[in-house]
Amino acid sequence: MNIGRAKIIAIITGFISIAICIAYLLLITIFDFRTILNDHLSNIT
């Protein structure tokens, strides 16, 4: 029975780590887009 519980904990931990990775990539993409947008706006004026 402990093997089943360990497997469930491993799966949950894997999903949490994947969610953290996706959130990190989204944040990096948003901040990178803001930098490109700011550079573009400063070149217009």
Protein backbone atom coordinates (compact mmCIF):
# COMPACT_ATOMS: atom_id res chain seq x y z
CA MET A 1 0.00 0.00 0.00
CA ASN A 2 2.93 2.36 0.60
CA ILE A 3 4.02 1.91 -3.02
CA GLY A 4 0.67 3.28 -4.23
CA ARG A 5 0.88 6.28 -1.91
CA ALA A 6 4.45 7.02 -3.00
CA LYS A 7 3.41 6.83 -6.64
CA ILE A 8 0.54 9.27 -6.06
CA ILE A 9 2.87 11.71 -4.28
CA ALA A 10 5.38 11.45 -7.14
CA ILE A 11 2.68 12.19 -9.72
CA ILE A 12 1.37 15.18 -7.74
CA THR A 13 4.91 16.52 -7.33
CA GLY A 14 5.49 16.13 -11.07
CA PHE A 15 2.33 18.07 -11.91
CA ILE A 16 3.31 20.84 -9.47
CA SER A 17 6.78 21.15 -11.01
CA ILE A 18 5.32 21.26 -14.54
CA ALA A 19 2.86 23.96 -13.44
CA ILE A 20 5.70 26.02 -11.95
CA CYS A 21 7.70 25.67 -15.18
CA ILE A 22 4.75 26.78 -17.32
CA ALA A 23 4.06 29.76 -15.04
CA TYR A 24 7.75 30.75 -15.19
CA LEU A 25 7.80 30.57 -18.99
CA LEU A 26 4.64 32.67 -19.19
CA LEU A 27 6.10 35.32 -16.89
CA ILE A 28 9.34 35.45 -18.88
CA THR A 29 7.36 35.77 -22.12
CA ILE A 30 5.24 38.60 -20.72
CA PHE A 31 8.23 40.56 -19.41
CA ASP A 32 10.16 40.02 -22.65
CA PHE A 33 7.18 41.29 -24.66
CA ARG A 34 6.98 44.36 -22.44
CA THR A 35 10.66 45.11 -23.11
CA ILE A 36 10.14 44.87 -26.88
CA LEU A 37 7.02 47.04 -26.60
CA ASN A 38 8.83 49.69 -24.52
CA ASP A 39 11.73 49.80 -26.99
CA HIS A 40 9.29 50.17 -29.87
CA LEU A 41 7.39 52.98 -28.13
CA SER A 42 10.58 54.84 -27.23
CA ASN A 43 11.75 54.68 -30.86
CA ILE A 44 8.49 56.24 -32.09
CA THR A 45 8.89 59.44 -30.07
